[in-house]
Amino acid sequence: MSYYRPLVRHGEARPEGALHLVGGALWFTEVEILDRGAPPRVVPAGLLPEDLKLRLTGRRAAIAGLDMTQQHIMGILNVTPDSFSDGGKHDTETAAIAAAQKMIADGASIIDIGGESTRPGAETVEELEEIARTAPVIAALRDKSSVAISLDTRKATVAMEGLEVGASLINDVSGFTFDAALAPLAAQAGVPVCIMHAQGDPATMQDEPSYDNVLLDVYDFLSAQVDQLEAIGILREQIMIDPGIGFGKTQAHNLTLLKNLSLFHGIGCPILLGVSRKRFIGDIGQAPDAGARAPGSIAVGLAGLAQGVQMLRVHDVAETAQALRLWKALL
């Protein structure tokens, strides 16, 4: 099997034959062909298989009311006592709603609410506890705002309660592998979803992760999961994908994925990128304090946008929104 990565460019002057990337402002004239066990090679985009060309150039449908031809900021709202950089800051309803409203004012178009930490080493949270953390916050936020709300959960019962009180999207860091009831629930409810790749459970995922080829292995997982969800009734156009930076990956794995993000457009879904404040940013950027990693997080996020990523999941919304406005003005 061959894999095709568009070599993405921008600019008003475009060569004849340039193809628009997923209906947006970026474009490409060449693709890198990747095969397991063979060196990569670059060929003209005109040599793309027709079905893949359609996936790489087709305009993405709106998800949770958000235009996927534009770039979006997903604000992270962890209502947990132990998340890696902001645990305990939003573990009351009042604090959580105030934080969400500030993120919306600062430029977030969707808020991601999670009641179970997925930091390396984190233990599983009981369903009733996770519901008690998330459902009241979702309900209160929905009462105050029409903003899109993402529920970050791996569990069907948690998702069901969240959807009933106003969640707009299910964001599963296990890629719908943890709870077999979650995907059918999403299909029945007709809500969009985000599939993330993770190798292993959060409690053990950073214990010597290994891959045959991290880029192609992650692509194959996401592609297979999208096919599986589509087969049970979730429309491909209502599925987002996330390569899961930092989830069962070494620094080298993370960098390989980040350098080659445009490959994932071939699955035919919008891409969400979550790198905010992660350990590799602290290591490379020499910022041991997670709260001081906004500059590095923004740098990596902008590099992702330059490869056509549609959504950035971030802690530092105001700073990211400012960078995004400048990036779009220059683009």
Protein backbone atom coordinates (compact mmCIF):
# COMPACT_ATOMS: atom_id res chain seq x y z
CA MET A 1 0.00 0.00 0.00
CA SER A 2 1.24 3.47 -0.89
CA TYR A 3 0.58 6.62 1.14
CA TYR A 4 0.45 10.12 -0.37
CA ARG A 5 1.47 13.25 1.51
CA PRO A 6 0.68 16.58 -0.18
CA LEU A 7 3.60 19.01 -0.02
CA VAL A 8 1.60 22.01 1.11
CA ARG A 9 2.35 25.58 0.05
CA HIS A 10 0.67 28.98 0.21
CA GLY A 11 0.67 32.18 -1.81
CA GLU A 12 -1.47 33.97 -4.37
CA ALA A 13 0.69 33.02 -7.36
CA ARG A 14 0.01 29.37 -8.07
CA PRO A 15 1.47 27.20 -10.83
CA GLU A 16 -0.83 25.70 -13.41
CA GLY A 17 -2.25 22.47 -12.10
CA ALA A 18 -1.99 23.43 -8.41
CA LEU A 19 -4.63 21.69 -6.31
CA HIS A 20 -6.47 23.34 -3.41
CA LEU A 21 -5.97 21.50 -0.13
CA VAL A 22 -9.38 20.51 1.35
CA GLY A 23 -11.10 23.53 -0.14
CA GLY A 24 -9.03 26.10 1.74
CA ALA A 25 -6.36 28.68 0.97
CA LEU A 26 -3.42 26.24 0.92
CA TRP A 27 -2.44 24.31 -2.19
CA PHE A 28 0.01 21.74 -3.54
CA THR A 29 1.56 20.70 -6.82
CA GLU A 30 3.51 17.66 -5.62
CA VAL A 31 2.99 14.72 -3.30
CA GLU A 32 5.45 12.55 -1.44
CA ILE A 33 4.76 8.84 -1.90
CA LEU A 34 5.55 6.73 1.15
CA ASP A 35 5.80 2.95 1.22
CA ARG A 36 6.85 0.62 4.00
CA GLY A 37 10.36 -0.63 3.31
CA ALA A 38 11.02 1.74 0.39
CA PRO A 39 12.52 5.23 0.18
CA PRO A 40 10.06 8.11 -0.27
CA ARG A 41 9.73 9.77 -3.64
CA VAL A 42 8.14 12.99 -4.87
CA VAL A 43 5.82 13.06 -7.90
CA PRO A 44 3.47 15.62 -9.50
CA ALA A 45 0.07 15.89 -7.83
CA GLY A 46 -1.53 15.04 -11.16
CA LEU A 47 -0.43 11.44 -10.65
CA LEU A 48 -2.64 11.02 -7.57
CA PRO A 49 -5.24 8.25 -7.70
CA GLU A 50 -8.58 9.90 -8.42
CA ASP A 51 -10.28 8.82 -5.19
CA LEU A 52 -7.41 10.16 -3.09
CA LYS A 53 -7.33 13.40 -5.07
CA LEU A 54 -10.97 13.95 -4.14
CA ARG A 55 -10.21 13.37 -0.46
CA LEU A 56 -7.24 15.74 -0.50
CA THR A 57 -9.05 18.53 -2.32
CA GLY A 58 -12.67 18.17 -1.20
CA ARG A 59 -14.15 20.91 0.96
CA ARG A 60 -14.75 19.68 4.50
CA ALA A 61 -18.29 19.90 5.86
CA ALA A 62 -19.12 21.91 8.95
CA ILE A 63 -18.76 20.07 12.26
CA ALA A 64 -20.73 21.12 15.35
CA GLY A 65 -21.71 24.25 13.42
CA LEU A 66 -18.09 25.22 12.72
CA ASP A 67 -16.88 25.99 9.18
CA MET A 68 -14.05 23.54 8.50
CA THR A 69 -12.60 25.67 5.71
CA GLN A 70 -11.47 28.01 8.51
CA GLN A 71 -9.06 27.48 11.40
CA HIS A 72 -10.52 27.05 14.88
CA ILE A 73 -9.33 27.13 18.47
CA MET A 74 -10.60 24.54 20.91
CA GLY A 75 -10.22 25.75 24.48
CA ILE A 76 -9.25 23.10 27.04
CA LEU A 77 -11.40 23.02 30.17
CA ASN A 78 -10.20 20.28 32.51
CA VAL A 79 -12.64 19.87 35.40
CA THR A 80 -10.26 17.50 37.16
CA PRO A 81 -8.05 17.72 40.24
CA ASP A 82 -5.00 16.18 38.55
CA SER A 83 -4.54 17.25 34.91
CA PHE A 84 -0.89 17.79 34.07
CA SER A 85 -0.80 21.59 33.80
CA ASP A 86 -4.07 22.96 35.17
CA GLY A 87 -5.46 20.29 37.48
CA GLY A 88 -7.66 21.75 40.20
CA LYS A 89 -8.00 25.20 38.65
CA HIS A 90 -11.51 24.55 37.30
CA ASP A 91 -12.84 21.88 39.65
CA THR A 92 -15.81 23.97 40.79
CA GLU A 93 -18.70 24.86 38.51
CA THR A 94 -18.24 28.58 39.09
CA ALA A 95 -14.54 28.48 38.22
CA ALA A 96 -15.15 26.29 35.21
CA ILE A 97 -17.85 28.52 33.73
CA ALA A 98 -15.78 31.65 34.30
CA ALA A 99 -12.82 30.01 32.54
CA ALA A 100 -15.01 28.88 29.62
CA GLN A 101 -16.52 32.34 29.17
CA LYS A 102 -13.06 33.90 29.13
CA MET A 103 -11.88 31.41 26.50
CA ILE A 104 -14.91 32.21 24.34
CA ALA A 105 -14.24 35.93 24.67
CA ASP A 106 -10.58 35.33 23.83
CA GLY A 107 -11.38 33.52 20.59
CA ALA A 108 -12.24 29.86 21.23
CA SER A 109 -15.03 28.59 18.97
CA ILE A 110 -15.39 25.29 20.84
CA ILE A 111 -14.76 24.30 24.47
CA ASP A 112 -13.46 20.81 25.28
CA ILE A 113 -14.65 19.69 28.73
CA GLY A 114 -12.95 16.71 30.32
CA GLY A 115 -13.46 15.05 33.69
CA GLU A 116 -10.74 12.40 33.50
CA SER A 117 -7.06 13.28 33.33
CA THR A 118 -5.19 11.63 30.47
CA ARG A 119 -1.72 12.73 31.54
CA PRO A 120 0.92 9.98 31.54
CA GLY A 121 0.39 7.79 34.59
CA ALA A 122 -3.22 8.89 35.21
CA GLU A 123 -5.65 6.30 36.55
CA THR A 124 -9.15 5.62 35.23
CA VAL A 125 -11.94 7.67 36.84
CA GLU A 126 -15.20 5.95 37.80
CA GLU A 127 -18.12 6.81 35.52
CA LEU A 128 -20.32 8.41 38.17
CA GLU A 129 -17.47 10.62 39.30
CA GLU A 130 -16.71 11.68 35.73
CA ILE A 131 -20.39 12.48 35.13
CA ALA A 132 -20.54 14.51 38.33
CA ARG A 133 -17.55 16.54 37.17
CA THR A 134 -18.65 17.17 33.58
CA ALA A 135 -22.46 17.17 33.21
CA PRO A 136 -23.22 20.14 35.52
CA VAL A 137 -20.55 22.25 33.82
CA ILE A 138 -21.85 21.38 30.34
CA ALA A 139 -25.40 22.20 31.39
CA ALA A 140 -24.40 25.51 32.96
CA LEU A 141 -22.30 26.53 29.98
CA ARG A 142 -25.05 25.59 27.53
CA ASP A 143 -27.47 27.70 29.56
CA LYS A 144 -25.19 30.72 29.13
CA SER A 145 -23.80 30.22 25.61
CA SER A 146 -24.47 28.65 22.23
CA VAL A 147 -20.76 27.82 21.81
CA ALA A 148 -19.92 24.35 20.52
CA ILE A 149 -19.07 22.01 23.41
CA SER A 150 -16.82 18.99 23.05
CA LEU A 151 -17.00 16.29 25.74
CA ASP A 152 -13.63 14.62 26.27
CA THR A 153 -14.53 11.10 27.41
CA ARG A 154 -13.91 7.43 26.63
CA LYS A 155 -17.15 6.20 28.22
CA ALA A 156 -20.65 5.81 26.77
CA THR A 157 -22.55 6.55 29.98
CA VAL A 158 -20.57 9.77 30.49
CA ALA A 159 -21.19 10.77 26.88
CA MET A 160 -24.91 10.03 27.13
CA GLU A 161 -25.29 12.29 30.16
CA GLY A 162 -23.21 15.01 28.51
CA LEU A 163 -25.17 14.92 25.28
CA GLU A 164 -28.45 15.20 27.17
CA VAL A 165 -27.36 18.47 28.77
CA GLY A 166 -25.89 20.10 25.68
CA ALA A 167 -22.60 18.63 24.45
CA SER A 168 -22.07 19.01 20.69
CA LEU A 169 -19.24 16.54 19.98
CA ILE A 170 -17.64 13.45 21.53
CA ASN A 171 -13.84 13.57 21.73
CA ASP A 172 -12.46 10.12 22.58
CA VAL A 173 -8.72 9.92 23.32
CA SER A 174 -8.87 6.14 22.96
CA GLY A 175 -10.09 6.41 19.38
CA PHE A 176 -13.29 4.55 20.29
CA THR A 177 -11.43 1.45 21.51
CA PHE A 178 -12.07 1.76 25.27
CA ASP A 179 -15.85 1.37 25.43
CA ALA A 180 -17.60 -0.63 22.71
CA ALA A 181 -20.90 1.16 23.44
CA LEU A 182 -19.59 4.66 22.71
CA ALA A 183 -19.52 4.57 18.90
CA PRO A 184 -23.09 3.15 18.57
CA LEU A 185 -24.26 5.85 20.99
CA ALA A 186 -22.68 8.55 18.83
CA ALA A 187 -24.23 7.05 15.71
CA GLN A 188 -27.67 6.89 17.31
CA ALA A 189 -27.39 10.44 18.63
CA GLY A 190 -26.16 11.73 15.27
CA VAL A 191 -23.37 13.79 16.82
CA PRO A 192 -19.91 14.47 15.38
CA VAL A 193 -16.91 12.75 16.94
CA CYS A 194 -13.16 13.06 17.17
CA ILE A 195 -11.00 9.93 16.95
CA MET A 196 -7.58 10.24 18.58
CA HIS A 197 -4.70 7.79 18.35
CA ALA A 198 -3.09 6.60 21.56
CA GLN A 199 -0.81 3.65 22.11
CA GLY A 200 -1.81 2.11 25.42
CA ASP A 201 -3.78 3.44 28.36
CA PRO A 202 -2.80 6.77 29.98
CA ALA A 203 -1.48 4.87 33.01
CA THR A 204 1.13 3.05 30.90
CA MET A 205 1.29 4.77 27.52
CA GLN A 206 4.72 6.32 28.03
CA ASP A 207 6.34 3.04 29.10
CA GLU A 208 8.68 2.53 26.12
CA PRO A 209 6.25 3.16 23.21
CA SER A 210 7.39 1.63 19.93
CA TYR A 211 6.18 1.43 16.32
CA ASP A 212 7.21 -0.19 13.07
CA ASN A 213 6.67 3.19 11.40
CA VAL A 214 4.97 5.73 13.64
CA LEU A 215 3.62 7.89 10.82
CA LEU A 216 2.11 5.05 8.81
CA ASP A 217 1.00 3.07 11.87
CA VAL A 218 -0.94 6.06 13.23
CA TYR A 219 -2.41 6.71 9.77
CA ASP A 220 -3.55 3.09 9.46
CA PHE A 221 -5.18 3.15 12.89
CA LEU A 222 -7.08 6.37 12.24
CA SER A 223 -8.12 5.27 8.76
CA ALA A 224 -9.41 1.93 10.06
CA GLN A 225 -11.31 3.56 12.92
CA VAL A 226 -12.94 6.06 10.57
CA ASP A 227 -14.02 3.18 8.31
CA GLN A 228 -15.40 1.31 11.31
CA LEU A 229 -17.41 4.27 12.58
CA GLU A 230 -18.68 5.03 9.10
CA ALA A 231 -19.86 1.41 8.80
CA ILE A 232 -22.10 1.79 11.88
CA GLY A 233 -23.68 5.00 10.64
CA ILE A 234 -21.46 7.95 11.56
CA LEU A 235 -20.85 10.05 8.46
CA ARG A 236 -17.18 10.45 7.52
CA GLU A 237 -17.80 14.17 7.09
CA GLN A 238 -18.76 14.31 10.79
CA ILE A 239 -15.55 12.70 12.03
CA MET A 240 -12.44 14.59 13.09
CA ILE A 241 -9.08 12.86 13.53
CA ASP A 242 -6.24 13.58 15.95
CA PRO A 243 -2.79 11.91 15.68
CA GLY A 244 -2.48 11.99 19.47
CA ILE A 245 0.77 13.85 19.99
CA GLY A 246 2.29 12.73 23.30
CA PHE A 247 -0.04 9.77 23.77
CA GLY A 248 2.22 6.73 23.70
CA LYS A 249 4.95 8.51 21.72
CA THR A 250 8.55 9.50 22.28
CA GLN A 251 9.87 12.91 21.34
CA ALA A 252 11.13 11.45 18.05
CA HIS A 253 7.69 9.97 17.33
CA ASN A 254 6.03 13.32 18.02
CA LEU A 255 8.39 15.20 15.72
CA THR A 256 7.92 12.69 12.91
CA LEU A 257 4.15 13.07 13.09
CA LEU A 258 4.33 16.86 13.27
CA LYS A 259 6.61 17.13 10.26
CA ASN A 260 4.24 15.00 8.19
CA LEU A 261 0.77 16.06 9.34
CA SER A 262 -0.48 16.75 5.83
CA LEU A 263 -0.48 12.99 5.18
CA PHE A 264 -3.60 12.64 7.34
CA HIS A 265 -5.75 14.70 4.96
CA GLY A 266 -5.88 11.55 2.83
CA ILE A 267 -8.32 10.02 5.35
CA GLY A 268 -10.87 12.61 4.30
CA CYS A 269 -11.60 14.19 7.70
CA PRO A 270 -10.71 17.48 9.41
CA ILE A 271 -7.61 17.29 11.60
CA LEU A 272 -7.42 18.36 15.24
CA LEU A 273 -3.97 18.98 16.69
CA GLY A 274 -3.37 18.95 20.44
CA VAL A 275 0.17 19.88 21.47
CA SER A 276 -0.49 22.51 24.10
CA ARG A 277 2.06 22.56 26.95
CA LYS A 278 3.17 18.98 26.32
CA ARG A 279 6.41 17.58 27.67
CA PHE A 280 8.32 17.56 24.40
CA ILE A 281 7.69 21.30 24.07
CA GLY A 282 9.18 21.81 27.50
CA ASP A 283 12.15 19.59 26.69
CA ILE A 284 13.00 21.18 23.34
CA GLY A 285 11.99 24.69 24.35
CA GLN A 286 13.76 24.48 27.72
CA ALA A 287 10.58 25.28 29.65
CA PRO A 288 10.22 22.82 32.54
CA ASP A 289 7.17 24.68 33.91
CA ALA A 290 4.12 23.58 31.87
CA GLY A 291 2.52 26.99 32.35
CA ALA A 292 5.45 28.66 30.57
CA ARG A 293 5.10 26.67 27.34
CA ALA A 294 2.68 28.92 25.43
CA PRO A 295 5.33 30.21 22.97
CA GLY A 296 6.46 26.71 22.03
CA SER A 297 2.89 25.45 21.86
CA ILE A 298 1.95 28.29 19.50
CA ALA A 299 5.01 27.68 17.30
CA VAL A 300 4.09 24.03 16.84
CA GLY A 301 0.42 24.90 16.34
CA LEU A 302 1.21 27.37 13.55
CA ALA A 303 3.39 24.76 11.86
CA GLY A 304 0.36 22.48 11.95
CA LEU A 305 -1.88 25.14 10.44
CA ALA A 306 0.64 25.53 7.62
CA GLN A 307 -0.02 21.87 6.80
CA GLY A 308 -3.78 22.40 6.72
CA VAL A 309 -4.81 21.46 10.26
CA GLN A 310 -8.30 22.82 10.94
CA MET A 311 -8.36 22.96 14.75
CA LEU A 312 -5.88 23.59 17.56
CA ARG A 313 -6.67 22.30 21.06
CA VAL A 314 -5.01 24.73 23.47
CA HIS A 315 -4.80 25.99 27.05
CA ASP A 316 -3.63 29.50 26.10
CA VAL A 317 -6.53 30.73 23.99
CA ALA A 318 -5.86 34.49 23.91
CA GLU A 319 -2.22 34.06 22.93
CA THR A 320 -3.05 31.46 20.28
CA ALA A 321 -5.85 33.61 18.86
CA GLN A 322 -3.48 36.55 18.50
CA ALA A 323 -0.95 34.36 16.69
CA LEU A 324 -3.67 32.94 14.46
CA ARG A 325 -4.86 36.41 13.42
CA LEU A 326 -1.32 37.35 12.39
CA TRP A 327 -0.78 34.05 10.61
CA LYS A 328 -3.99 34.52 8.60
CA ALA A 329 -3.08 38.10 7.72
CA LEU A 330 0.28 36.97 6.36
CA LEU A 331 -1.25 34.00 4.57
